[in-house]
Amino acid sequence: MDFCDFHPRQIVYLEHESTRLYAEVIQVGSRPVCWVRPLLLANNYLSMEPLVSDLRSVADLVLPLTLFHLALDTEVIPLLALLTSELQPDHNPLAVKQLNQFIHKVWQAQPSTF
């Protein structure tokens, strides 16, 4: 799927090493960036028991479109099922730290993309 084909409410992922950030598309602008709402961070997402962090309480992100791929329902639904039905408190410091570390690693690996 072409990046320009992303639509609001679709689930996309950003992958780095064995970790994926899954997020909901909020808006794709005229510039090559995508506004997303983080949902979860899945470490070892290919394993039978991935380590999932709930990111639903963290701030939205605006990142380059080229970083994202469309997620398949069959891969996202089992991961979403691992989240508790209750949202974490707003500004959960652990979730914010995990997201910041992940984005920092992506930035270090692909500085020209930013």
PDB file of N, CA and C in Angstrom:
ATOM      1  N   MET A   1       0.852  -1.187   0.000  1.00  0.00           N
ATOM      2  CA  MET A   1       0.000   0.000   0.000  1.00  0.00           C
ATOM      3  C   MET A   1       0.884   1.232   0.000  1.00  0.00           C
ATOM      4  N   ASP A   2       0.569   2.183  -0.815  1.00  0.00           N
ATOM      5  CA  ASP A   2       1.298   3.429  -0.885  1.00  0.00           C
ATOM      6  C   ASP A   2       1.021   4.262   0.361  1.00  0.00           C
ATOM      7  N   PHE A   3       2.020   5.031   0.808  1.00  0.00           N
ATOM      8  CA  PHE A   3       1.869   5.840   2.016  1.00  0.00           C
ATOM      9  C   PHE A   3       0.682   6.798   1.916  1.00  0.00           C
ATOM     10  N   CYS A   4       0.455   7.334   0.721  1.00  0.00           N
ATOM     11  CA  CYS A   4      -0.634   8.294   0.541  1.00  0.00           C
ATOM     12  C   CYS A   4      -1.997   7.635   0.690  1.00  0.00           C
ATOM     13  N   ASP A   5      -2.018   6.316   0.675  1.00  0.00           N
ATOM     14  CA  ASP A   5      -3.275   5.595   0.810  1.00  0.00           C
ATOM     15  C   ASP A   5      -3.692   5.385   2.262  1.00  0.00           C
ATOM     16  N   PHE A   6      -2.876   5.831   3.213  1.00  0.00           N
ATOM     17  CA  PHE A   6      -3.270   5.708   4.615  1.00  0.00           C
ATOM     18  C   PHE A   6      -4.472   6.601   4.870  1.00  0.00           C
ATOM     19  N   HIS A   7      -5.395   6.085   5.671  1.00  0.00           N
ATOM     20  CA  HIS A   7      -6.607   6.835   5.997  1.00  0.00           C
ATOM     21  C   HIS A   7      -6.792   6.859   7.504  1.00  0.00           C
ATOM     22  N   PRO A   8      -7.485   7.887   8.011  1.00  0.00           N
ATOM     23  CA  PRO A   8      -7.758   7.936   9.454  1.00  0.00           C
ATOM     24  C   PRO A   8      -8.401   6.644   9.936  1.00  0.00           C
ATOM     25  N   ARG A   9      -8.013   6.233  11.135  1.00  0.00           N
ATOM     26  CA  ARG A   9      -8.513   5.061  11.846  1.00  0.00           C
ATOM     27  C   ARG A   9      -7.846   3.754  11.421  1.00  0.00           C
ATOM     28  N   GLN A  10      -6.983   3.782  10.407  1.00  0.00           N
ATOM     29  CA  GLN A  10      -6.235   2.584  10.053  1.00  0.00           C
ATOM     30  C   GLN A  10      -5.129   2.370  11.089  1.00  0.00           C
ATOM     31  N   ILE A  11      -4.730   1.117  11.248  1.00  0.00           N
ATOM     32  CA  ILE A  11      -3.641   0.797  12.158  1.00  0.00           C
ATOM     33  C   ILE A  11      -2.381   0.589  11.316  1.00  0.00           C
ATOM     34  N   VAL A  12      -1.333   1.275  11.717  1.00  0.00           N
ATOM     35  CA  VAL A  12      -0.045   1.185  11.044  1.00  0.00           C
ATOM     36  C   VAL A  12       1.011   0.773  12.062  1.00  0.00           C
ATOM     37  N   TYR A  13       2.170   0.392  11.577  1.00  0.00           N
ATOM     38  CA  TYR A  13       3.258   0.087  12.492  1.00  0.00           C
ATOM     39  C   TYR A  13       4.556   0.692  12.001  1.00  0.00           C
ATOM     40  N   LEU A  14       5.426   0.936  12.939  1.00  0.00           N
ATOM     41  CA  LEU A  14       6.780   1.403  12.693  1.00  0.00           C
ATOM     42  C   LEU A  14       7.676   0.342  13.314  1.00  0.00           C
ATOM     43  N   GLU A  15       8.571  -0.213  12.530  1.00  0.00           N
ATOM     44  CA  GLU A  15       9.378  -1.346  12.994  1.00  0.00           C
ATOM     45  C   GLU A  15      10.839  -0.955  13.147  1.00  0.00           C
ATOM     46  N   HIS A  16      11.432  -1.412  14.228  1.00  0.00           N
ATOM     47  CA  HIS A  16      12.874  -1.254  14.434  1.00  0.00           C
ATOM     48  C   HIS A  16      13.371  -2.473  15.189  1.00  0.00           C
ATOM     49  N   GLU A  17      14.321  -3.169  14.571  1.00  0.00           N
ATOM     50  CA  GLU A  17      14.860  -4.410  15.122  1.00  0.00           C
ATOM     51  C   GLU A  17      13.702  -5.371  15.408  1.00  0.00           C
ATOM     52  N   SER A  18      13.542  -5.848  16.621  1.00  0.00           N
ATOM     53  CA  SER A  18      12.472  -6.813  16.914  1.00  0.00           C
ATOM     54  C   SER A  18      11.291  -6.165  17.629  1.00  0.00           C
ATOM     55  N   THR A  19      11.153  -4.852  17.468  1.00  0.00           N
ATOM     56  CA  THR A  19      10.082  -4.118  18.146  1.00  0.00           C
ATOM     57  C   THR A  19       9.238  -3.368  17.120  1.00  0.00           C
ATOM     58  N   ARG A  20       7.940  -3.366  17.365  1.00  0.00           N
ATOM     59  CA  ARG A  20       7.026  -2.597  16.521  1.00  0.00           C
ATOM     60  C   ARG A  20       6.172  -1.674  17.377  1.00  0.00           C
ATOM     61  N   LEU A  21       6.031  -0.457  16.893  1.00  0.00           N
ATOM     62  CA  LEU A  21       5.093   0.503  17.461  1.00  0.00           C
ATOM     63  C   LEU A  21       3.853   0.448  16.596  1.00  0.00           C
ATOM     64  N   TYR A  22       2.725   0.079  17.179  1.00  0.00           N
ATOM     65  CA  TYR A  22       1.447   0.078  16.476  1.00  0.00           C
ATOM     66  C   TYR A  22       0.703   1.349  16.858  1.00  0.00           C
ATOM     67  N   ALA A  23       0.119   1.993  15.855  1.00  0.00           N
ATOM     68  CA  ALA A  23      -0.559   3.265  16.093  1.00  0.00           C
ATOM     69  C   ALA A  23      -1.742   3.416  15.149  1.00  0.00           C
ATOM     70  N   GLU A  24      -2.666   4.255  15.553  1.00  0.00           N
ATOM     71  CA  GLU A  24      -3.835   4.562  14.730  1.00  0.00           C
ATOM     72  C   GLU A  24      -3.570   5.847  13.966  1.00  0.00           C
ATOM     73  N   VAL A  25      -3.826   5.835  12.675  1.00  0.00           N
ATOM     74  CA  VAL A  25      -3.651   7.036  11.860  1.00  0.00           C
ATOM     75  C   VAL A  25      -4.742   8.036  12.233  1.00  0.00           C
ATOM     76  N   ILE A  26      -4.320   9.248  12.539  1.00  0.00           N
ATOM     77  CA  ILE A  26      -5.264  10.335  12.804  1.00  0.00           C
ATOM     78  C   ILE A  26      -5.437  11.176  11.543  1.00  0.00           C
ATOM     79  N   GLN A  27      -4.299  11.535  10.933  1.00  0.00           N
ATOM     80  CA  GLN A  27      -4.372  12.354   9.729  1.00  0.00           C
ATOM     81  C   GLN A  27      -3.075  12.223   8.938  1.00  0.00           C
ATOM     82  N   VAL A  28      -3.225  12.215   7.629  1.00  0.00           N
ATOM     83  CA  VAL A  28      -2.074  12.276   6.731  1.00  0.00           C
ATOM     84  C   VAL A  28      -2.155  13.628   6.050  1.00  0.00           C
ATOM     85  N   GLY A  29      -1.114  14.424   6.241  1.00  0.00           N
ATOM     86  CA  GLY A  29      -1.136  15.775   5.710  1.00  0.00           C
ATOM     87  C   GLY A  29      -0.576  15.874   4.304  1.00  0.00           C
ATOM     88  N   SER A  30      -0.523  17.090   3.809  1.00  0.00           N
ATOM     89  CA  SER A  30       0.025  17.326   2.477  1.00  0.00           C
ATOM     90  C   SER A  30       1.549  17.195   2.494  1.00  0.00           C
ATOM     91  N   ARG A  31       2.151  17.393   3.655  1.00  0.00           N
ATOM     92  CA  ARG A  31       3.586  17.149   3.798  1.00  0.00           C
ATOM     93  C   ARG A  31       3.780  15.651   4.027  1.00  0.00           C
ATOM     94  N   PRO A  32       4.975  15.135   3.822  1.00  0.00           N
ATOM     95  CA  PRO A  32       5.188  13.683   3.979  1.00  0.00           C
ATOM     96  C   PRO A  32       5.305  13.236   5.443  1.00  0.00           C
ATOM     97  N   VAL A  33       4.300  13.591   6.233  1.00  0.00           N
ATOM     98  CA  VAL A  33       4.261  13.180   7.637  1.00  0.00           C
ATOM     99  C   VAL A  33       2.899  12.578   7.953  1.00  0.00           C
ATOM    100  N   CYS A  34       2.875  11.830   9.030  1.00  0.00           N
ATOM    101  CA  CYS A  34       1.640  11.176   9.453  1.00  0.00           C
ATOM    102  C   CYS A  34       1.428  11.462  10.940  1.00  0.00           C
ATOM    103  N   TRP A  35       0.231  11.885  11.287  1.00  0.00           N
ATOM    104  CA  TRP A  35      -0.151  12.107  12.679  1.00  0.00           C
ATOM    105  C   TRP A  35      -0.773  10.806  13.159  1.00  0.00           C
ATOM    106  N   VAL A  36      -0.171  10.211  14.190  1.00  0.00           N
ATOM    107  CA  VAL A  36      -0.650   8.933  14.691  1.00  0.00           C
ATOM    108  C   VAL A  36      -0.877   8.975  16.197  1.00  0.00           C
ATOM    109  N   ARG A  37      -1.751   8.091  16.654  1.00  0.00           N
ATOM    110  CA  ARG A  37      -2.025   7.909  18.084  1.00  0.00           C
ATOM    111  C   ARG A  37      -1.471   6.536  18.485  1.00  0.00           C
ATOM    112  N   PRO A  38      -0.403   6.516  19.290  1.00  0.00           N
ATOM    113  CA  PRO A  38       0.194   5.235  19.687  1.00  0.00           C
ATOM    114  C   PRO A  38      -0.799   4.337  20.429  1.00  0.00           C
ATOM    115  N   LEU A  39      -0.737   3.046  20.121  1.00  0.00           N
ATOM    116  CA  LEU A  39      -1.583   2.059  20.783  1.00  0.00           C
ATOM    117  C   LEU A  39      -0.754   1.131  21.662  1.00  0.00           C
ATOM    118  N   LEU A  40       0.274   0.549  21.068  1.00  0.00           N
ATOM    119  CA  LEU A  40       1.090  -0.393  21.834  1.00  0.00           C
ATOM    120  C   LEU A  40       2.463  -0.539  21.216  1.00  0.00           C
ATOM    121  N   LEU A  41       3.372  -0.983  22.055  1.00  0.00           N
ATOM    122  CA  LEU A  41       4.728  -1.305  21.640  1.00  0.00           C
ATOM    123  C   LEU A  41       4.896  -2.800  21.870  1.00  0.00           C
ATOM    124  N   ALA A  42       5.236  -3.534  20.824  1.00  0.00           N
ATOM    125  CA  ALA A  42       5.369  -4.987  20.923  1.00  0.00           C
ATOM    126  C   ALA A  42       6.825  -5.386  20.707  1.00  0.00           C
ATOM    127  N   ASN A  43       7.464  -5.867  21.766  1.00  0.00           N
ATOM    128  CA  ASN A  43       8.823  -6.389  21.674  1.00  0.00           C
ATOM    129  C   ASN A  43       8.734  -7.857  21.319  1.00  0.00           C
ATOM    130  N   ASN A  44       9.636  -8.299  20.459  1.00  0.00           N
ATOM    131  CA  ASN A  44       9.629  -9.687  19.986  1.00  0.00           C
ATOM    132  C   ASN A  44       8.253 -10.055  19.443  1.00  0.00           C
ATOM    133  N   TYR A  45       7.727  -9.204  18.585  1.00  0.00           N
ATOM    134  CA  TYR A  45       6.362  -9.348  18.086  1.00  0.00           C
ATOM    135  C   TYR A  45       6.135 -10.642  17.310  1.00  0.00           C
ATOM    136  N   LEU A  46       7.195 -11.277  16.833  1.00  0.00           N
ATOM    137  CA  LEU A  46       7.032 -12.531  16.089  1.00  0.00           C
ATOM    138  C   LEU A  46       6.984 -13.756  16.985  1.00  0.00           C
ATOM    139  N   SER A  47       7.323 -13.587  18.243  1.00  0.00           N
ATOM    140  CA  SER A  47       7.336 -14.734  19.150  1.00  0.00           C
ATOM    141  C   SER A  47       5.913 -15.101  19.577  1.00  0.00           C
ATOM    142  N   MET A  48       5.793 -16.263  20.181  1.00  0.00           N
ATOM    143  CA  MET A  48       4.486 -16.725  20.654  1.00  0.00           C
ATOM    144  C   MET A  48       3.995 -15.886  21.832  1.00  0.00           C
ATOM    145  N   GLU A  49       4.923 -15.283  22.581  1.00  0.00           N
ATOM    146  CA  GLU A  49       4.565 -14.465  23.734  1.00  0.00           C
ATOM    147  C   GLU A  49       5.273 -13.110  23.659  1.00  0.00           C
ATOM    148  N   PRO A  50       4.795 -12.208  22.798  1.00  0.00           N
ATOM    149  CA  PRO A  50       5.441 -10.906  22.707  1.00  0.00           C
ATOM    150  C   PRO A  50       5.234 -10.094  23.987  1.00  0.00           C
ATOM    151  N   LEU A  51       6.179  -9.240  24.284  1.00  0.00           N
ATOM    152  CA  LEU A  51       6.070  -8.340  25.426  1.00  0.00           C
ATOM    153  C   LEU A  51       5.386  -7.065  24.928  1.00  0.00           C
ATOM    154  N   VAL A  52       4.179  -6.797  25.430  1.00  0.00           N
ATOM    155  CA  VAL A  52       3.369  -5.687  24.932  1.00  0.00           C
ATOM    156  C   VAL A  52       3.259  -4.594  25.990  1.00  0.00           C
ATOM    157  N   SER A  53       3.522  -3.354  25.571  1.00  0.00           N
ATOM    158  CA  SER A  53       3.370  -2.186  26.448  1.00  0.00           C
ATOM    159  C   SER A  53       2.207  -1.347  25.953  1.00  0.00           C
ATOM    160  N   ASP A  54       1.321  -0.988  26.853  1.00  0.00           N
ATOM    161  CA  ASP A  54       0.144  -0.181  26.531  1.00  0.00           C
ATOM    162  C   ASP A  54       0.561   1.275  26.405  1.00  0.00           C
ATOM    163  N   LEU A  55       0.375   1.861  25.232  1.00  0.00           N
ATOM    164  CA  LEU A  55       0.746   3.253  24.988  1.00  0.00           C
ATOM    165  C   LEU A  55      -0.462   4.148  24.740  1.00  0.00           C
ATOM    166  N   ARG A  56      -1.649   3.654  25.030  1.00  0.00           N
ATOM    167  CA  ARG A  56      -2.852   4.419  24.707  1.00  0.00           C
ATOM    168  C   ARG A  56      -2.974   5.722  25.473  1.00  0.00           C
ATOM    169  N   SER A  57      -2.188   5.900  26.536  1.00  0.00           N
ATOM    170  CA  SER A  57      -2.296   7.132  27.317  1.00  0.00           C
ATOM    171  C   SER A  57      -1.215   8.153  26.976  1.00  0.00           C
ATOM    172  N   VAL A  58      -0.317   7.829  26.043  1.00  0.00           N
ATOM    173  CA  VAL A  58       0.761   8.769  25.714  1.00  0.00           C
ATOM    174  C   VAL A  58       0.308   9.752  24.635  1.00  0.00           C
ATOM    175  N   ALA A  59       1.100  10.766  24.428  1.00  0.00           N
ATOM    176  CA  ALA A  59       0.770  11.810  23.453  1.00  0.00           C
ATOM    177  C   ALA A  59       0.874  11.287  22.020  1.00  0.00           C
ATOM    178  N   ASP A  60       0.145  11.928  21.137  1.00  0.00           N
ATOM    179  CA  ASP A  60       0.198  11.602  19.718  1.00  0.00           C
ATOM    180  C   ASP A  60       1.566  11.961  19.150  1.00  0.00           C
ATOM    181  N   LEU A  61       1.865  11.402  17.993  1.00  0.00           N
ATOM    182  CA  LEU A  61       3.137  11.649  17.321  1.00  0.00           C
ATOM    183  C   LEU A  61       2.892  12.141  15.902  1.00  0.00           C
ATOM    184  N   VAL A  62       3.812  12.920  15.399  1.00  0.00           N
ATOM    185  CA  VAL A  62       3.835  13.290  13.986  1.00  0.00           C
ATOM    186  C   VAL A  62       5.208  12.872  13.485  1.00  0.00           C
ATOM    187  N   LEU A  63       5.202  11.879  12.598  1.00  0.00           N
ATOM    188  CA  LEU A  63       6.450  11.288  12.122  1.00  0.00           C
ATOM    189  C   LEU A  63       6.424  11.146  10.607  1.00  0.00           C
ATOM    190  N   PRO A  64       7.597  10.984   9.994  1.00  0.00           N
ATOM    191  CA  PRO A  64       7.645  10.815   8.535  1.00  0.00           C
ATOM    192  C   PRO A  64       6.837   9.605   8.069  1.00  0.00           C
ATOM    193  N   LEU A  65       6.109   9.780   6.990  1.00  0.00           N
ATOM    194  CA  LEU A  65       5.283   8.715   6.420  1.00  0.00           C
ATOM    195  C   LEU A  65       6.098   7.491   6.037  1.00  0.00           C
ATOM    196  N   THR A  66       7.311   7.700   5.591  1.00  0.00           N
ATOM    197  CA  THR A  66       8.126   6.593   5.093  1.00  0.00           C
ATOM    198  C   THR A  66       8.473   5.578   6.171  1.00  0.00           C
ATOM    199  N   LEU A  67       8.265   5.919   7.427  1.00  0.00           N
ATOM    200  CA  LEU A  67       8.557   4.995   8.516  1.00  0.00           C
ATOM    201  C   LEU A  67       7.457   3.961   8.724  1.00  0.00           C
ATOM    202  N   PHE A  68       6.263   4.225   8.225  1.00  0.00           N
ATOM    203  CA  PHE A  68       5.095   3.411   8.551  1.00  0.00           C
ATOM    204  C   PHE A  68       4.720   2.393   7.480  1.00  0.00           C
ATOM    205  N   HIS A  69       4.122   1.312   7.960  1.00  0.00           N
ATOM    206  CA  HIS A  69       3.574   0.258   7.102  1.00  0.00           C
ATOM    207  C   HIS A  69       2.165  -0.050   7.611  1.00  0.00           C
ATOM    208  N   LEU A  70       1.303  -0.449   6.705  1.00  0.00           N
ATOM    209  CA  LEU A  70      -0.058  -0.820   7.083  1.00  0.00           C
ATOM    210  C   LEU A  70      -0.028  -2.148   7.835  1.00  0.00           C
ATOM    211  N   ALA A  71      -0.686  -2.192   8.989  1.00  0.00           N
ATOM    212  CA  ALA A  71      -0.740  -3.413   9.792  1.00  0.00           C
ATOM    213  C   ALA A  71      -1.932  -4.268   9.351  1.00  0.00           C
ATOM    214  N   LEU A  72      -1.747  -5.563   9.387  1.00  0.00           N
ATOM    215  CA  LEU A  72      -2.823  -6.492   9.073  1.00  0.00           C
ATOM    216  C   LEU A  72      -3.655  -6.754  10.326  1.00  0.00           C
ATOM    217  N   ASP A  73      -4.945  -6.899  10.156  1.00  0.00           N
ATOM    218  CA  ASP A  73      -5.835  -7.190  11.288  1.00  0.00           C
ATOM    219  C   ASP A  73      -5.386  -8.434  12.042  1.00  0.00           C
ATOM    220  N   THR A  74      -4.960  -9.440  11.300  1.00  0.00           N
ATOM    221  CA  THR A  74      -4.589 -10.713  11.919  1.00  0.00           C
ATOM    222  C   THR A  74      -3.373 -10.607  12.831  1.00  0.00           C
ATOM    223  N   GLU A  75      -2.558  -9.592  12.620  1.00  0.00           N
ATOM    224  CA  GLU A  75      -1.406  -9.415  13.508  1.00  0.00           C
ATOM    225  C   GLU A  75      -1.713  -8.464  14.659  1.00  0.00           C
ATOM    226  N   VAL A  76      -2.623  -7.530  14.459  1.00  0.00           N
ATOM    227  CA  VAL A  76      -2.910  -6.519  15.472  1.00  0.00           C
ATOM    228  C   VAL A  76      -3.905  -7.007  16.524  1.00  0.00           C
ATOM    229  N   ILE A  77      -4.938  -7.707  16.110  1.00  0.00           N
ATOM    230  CA  ILE A  77      -5.997  -8.118  17.037  1.00  0.00           C
ATOM    231  C   ILE A  77      -5.455  -8.951  18.200  1.00  0.00           C
ATOM    232  N   PRO A  78      -4.605  -9.956  17.960  1.00  0.00           N
ATOM    233  CA  PRO A  78      -4.069 -10.706  19.109  1.00  0.00           C
ATOM    234  C   PRO A  78      -3.247  -9.837  20.059  1.00  0.00           C
ATOM    235  N   LEU A  79      -2.539  -8.846  19.520  1.00  0.00           N
ATOM    236  CA  LEU A  79      -1.748  -7.951  20.374  1.00  0.00           C
ATOM    237  C   LEU A  79      -2.655  -7.023  21.181  1.00  0.00           C
ATOM    238  N   LEU A  80      -3.694  -6.500  20.537  1.00  0.00           N
ATOM    239  CA  LEU A  80      -4.639  -5.633  21.253  1.00  0.00           C
ATOM    240  C   LEU A  80      -5.353  -6.409  22.358  1.00  0.00           C
ATOM    241  N   ALA A  81      -5.577  -7.683  22.132  1.00  0.00           N
ATOM    242  CA  ALA A  81      -6.243  -8.519  23.138  1.00  0.00           C
ATOM    243  C   ALA A  81      -5.397  -8.668  24.398  1.00  0.00           C
ATOM    244  N   LEU A  82      -4.092  -8.459  24.278  1.00  0.00           N
ATOM    245  CA  LEU A  82      -3.205  -8.559  25.439  1.00  0.00           C
ATOM    246  C   LEU A  82      -3.281  -7.330  26.345  1.00  0.00           C
ATOM    247  N   LEU A  83      -3.848  -6.233  25.817  1.00  0.00           N
ATOM    248  CA  LEU A  83      -3.985  -5.021  26.618  1.00  0.00           C
ATOM    249  C   LEU A  83      -5.160  -5.169  27.575  1.00  0.00           C
ATOM    250  N   THR A  84      -5.062  -4.536  28.716  1.00  0.00           N
ATOM    251  CA  THR A  84      -6.187  -4.555  29.645  1.00  0.00           C
ATOM    252  C   THR A  84      -7.268  -3.633  29.120  1.00  0.00           C
ATOM    253  N   SER A  85      -8.492  -3.868  29.528  1.00  0.00           N
ATOM    254  CA  SER A  85      -9.588  -3.020  29.061  1.00  0.00           C
ATOM    255  C   SER A  85      -9.526  -1.628  29.686  1.00  0.00           C
ATOM    256  N   GLU A  86      -8.855  -1.511  30.812  1.00  0.00           N
ATOM    257  CA  GLU A  86      -8.737  -0.213  31.482  1.00  0.00           C
ATOM    258  C   GLU A  86      -7.539   0.547  30.941  1.00  0.00           C
ATOM    259  N   LEU A  87      -7.757   1.813  30.646  1.00  0.00           N
ATOM    260  CA  LEU A  87      -6.649   2.656  30.216  1.00  0.00           C
ATOM    261  C   LEU A  87      -5.720   2.934  31.380  1.00  0.00           C
ATOM    262  N   GLN A  88      -4.449   3.030  31.073  1.00  0.00           N
ATOM    263  CA  GLN A  88      -3.479   3.423  32.090  1.00  0.00           C
ATOM    264  C   GLN A  88      -3.719   4.888  32.430  1.00  0.00           C
ATOM    265  N   PRO A  89      -3.232   5.351  33.583  1.00  0.00           N
ATOM    266  CA  PRO A  89      -3.399   6.763  33.931  1.00  0.00           C
ATOM    267  C   PRO A  89      -2.779   7.662  32.862  1.00  0.00           C
ATOM    268  N   ASP A  90      -3.356   8.849  32.714  1.00  0.00           N
ATOM    269  CA  ASP A  90      -2.783   9.800  31.760  1.00  0.00           C
ATOM    270  C   ASP A  90      -1.329  10.034  32.089  1.00  0.00           C
ATOM    271  N   HIS A  91      -0.538  10.142  31.041  1.00  0.00           N
ATOM    272  CA  HIS A  91       0.889  10.436  31.167  1.00  0.00           C
ATOM    273  C   HIS A  91       1.602   9.398  32.027  1.00  0.00           C
ATOM    274  N   ASN A  92       1.335   8.134  31.766  1.00  0.00           N
ATOM    275  CA  ASN A  92       2.000   7.040  32.443  1.00  0.00           C
ATOM    276  C   ASN A  92       3.503   7.173  32.179  1.00  0.00           C
ATOM    277  N   PRO A  93       4.309   7.466  33.208  1.00  0.00           N
ATOM    278  CA  PRO A  93       5.737   7.726  32.992  1.00  0.00           C
ATOM    279  C   PRO A  93       6.486   6.558  32.351  1.00  0.00           C
ATOM    280  N   LEU A  94       6.132   5.326  32.687  1.00  0.00           N
ATOM    281  CA  LEU A  94       6.816   4.169  32.108  1.00  0.00           C
ATOM    282  C   LEU A  94       6.506   4.059  30.621  1.00  0.00           C
ATOM    283  N   ALA A  95       5.261   4.241  30.238  1.00  0.00           N
ATOM    284  CA  ALA A  95       4.874   4.167  28.826  1.00  0.00           C
ATOM    285  C   ALA A  95       5.554   5.280  28.030  1.00  0.00           C
ATOM    286  N   VAL A  96       5.600   6.474  28.595  1.00  0.00           N
ATOM    287  CA  VAL A  96       6.250   7.608  27.928  1.00  0.00           C
ATOM    288  C   VAL A  96       7.735   7.311  27.732  1.00  0.00           C
ATOM    289  N   LYS A  97       8.373   6.765  28.755  1.00  0.00           N
ATOM    290  CA  LYS A  97       9.799   6.445  28.670  1.00  0.00           C
ATOM    291  C   LYS A  97      10.059   5.390  27.598  1.00  0.00           C
ATOM    292  N   GLN A  98       9.237   4.342  27.560  1.00  0.00           N
ATOM    293  CA  GLN A  98       9.410   3.278  26.566  1.00  0.00           C
ATOM    294  C   GLN A  98       9.249   3.817  25.146  1.00  0.00           C
ATOM    295  N   LEU A  99       8.244   4.659  24.947  1.00  0.00           N
ATOM    296  CA  LEU A  99       8.024   5.243  23.631  1.00  0.00           C
ATOM    297  C   LEU A  99       9.191   6.154  23.242  1.00  0.00           C
ATOM    298  N   ASN A 100       9.628   6.994  24.166  1.00  0.00           N
ATOM    299  CA  ASN A 100      10.743   7.889  23.884  1.00  0.00           C
ATOM    300  C   ASN A 100      12.007   7.120  23.514  1.00  0.00           C
ATOM    301  N   GLN A 101      12.284   6.045  24.235  1.00  0.00           N
ATOM    302  CA  GLN A 101      13.465   5.237  23.940  1.00  0.00           C
ATOM    303  C   GLN A 101      13.363   4.598  22.552  1.00  0.00           C
ATOM    304  N   PHE A 102      12.185   4.110  22.226  1.00  0.00           N
ATOM    305  CA  PHE A 102      11.989   3.485  20.920  1.00  0.00           C
ATOM    306  C   PHE A 102      12.184   4.506  19.796  1.00  0.00           C
ATOM    307  N   ILE A 103      11.545   5.661  19.912  1.00  0.00           N
ATOM    308  CA  ILE A 103      11.659   6.694  18.874  1.00  0.00           C
ATOM    309  C   ILE A 103      13.106   7.166  18.762  1.00  0.00           C
ATOM    310  N   HIS A 104      13.785   7.276  19.877  1.00  0.00           N
ATOM    311  CA  HIS A 104      15.198   7.690  19.862  1.00  0.00           C
ATOM    312  C   HIS A 104      16.040   6.660  19.093  1.00  0.00           C
ATOM    313  N   LYS A 105      15.788   5.367  19.301  1.00  0.00           N
ATOM    314  CA  LYS A 105      16.514   4.317  18.575  1.00  0.00           C
ATOM    315  C   LYS A 105      16.233   4.394  17.076  1.00  0.00           C
ATOM    316  N   VAL A 106      14.977   4.636  16.720  1.00  0.00           N
ATOM    317  CA  VAL A 106      14.614   4.770  15.306  1.00  0.00           C
ATOM    318  C   VAL A 106      15.336   5.965  14.712  1.00  0.00           C
ATOM    319  N   TRP A 107      15.337   7.067  15.426  1.00  0.00           N
ATOM    320  CA  TRP A 107      15.998   8.281  14.954  1.00  0.00           C
ATOM    321  C   TRP A 107      17.499   8.048  14.773  1.00  0.00           C
ATOM    322  N   GLN A 108      18.132   7.345  15.724  1.00  0.00           N
ATOM    323  CA  GLN A 108      19.558   7.065  15.611  1.00  0.00           C
ATOM    324  C   GLN A 108      19.857   6.155  14.414  1.00  0.00           C
ATOM    325  N   ALA A 109      18.980   5.220  14.139  1.00  0.00           N
ATOM    326  CA  ALA A 109      19.185   4.293  13.036  1.00  0.00           C
ATOM    327  C   ALA A 109      18.919   4.919  11.669  1.00  0.00           C
ATOM    328  N   GLN A 110      18.014   5.927  11.624  1.00  0.00           N
ATOM    329  CA  GLN A 110      17.613   6.533  10.346  1.00  0.00           C
ATOM    330  C   GLN A 110      17.574   8.054  10.431  1.00  0.00           C
ATOM    331  N   PRO A 111      18.665   8.710  10.789  1.00  0.00           N
ATOM    332  CA  PRO A 111      18.623  10.168  10.983  1.00  0.00           C
ATOM    333  C   PRO A 111      18.231  10.947   9.710  1.00  0.00           C
ATOM    334  N   SER A 112      18.564  10.412   8.543  1.00  0.00           N
ATOM    335  CA  SER A 112      18.233  11.134   7.312  1.00  0.00           C
ATOM    336  C   SER A 112      16.729  11.159   7.041  1.00  0.00           C
ATOM    337  N   THR A 113      15.991  10.233   7.631  1.00  0.00           N
ATOM    338  CA  THR A 113      14.536  10.195   7.448  1.00  0.00           C
ATOM    339  C   THR A 113      13.864  11.356   8.169  1.00  0.00           C
ATOM    340  N   PHE A 114      14.475  11.791   9.240  1.00  0.00           N
ATOM    341  CA  PHE A 114      13.909  12.873  10.035  1.00  0.00           C
ATOM    342  C   PHE A 114      14.399  14.202   9.508  1.00  0.00           C
TER     343      PHE A 114
END
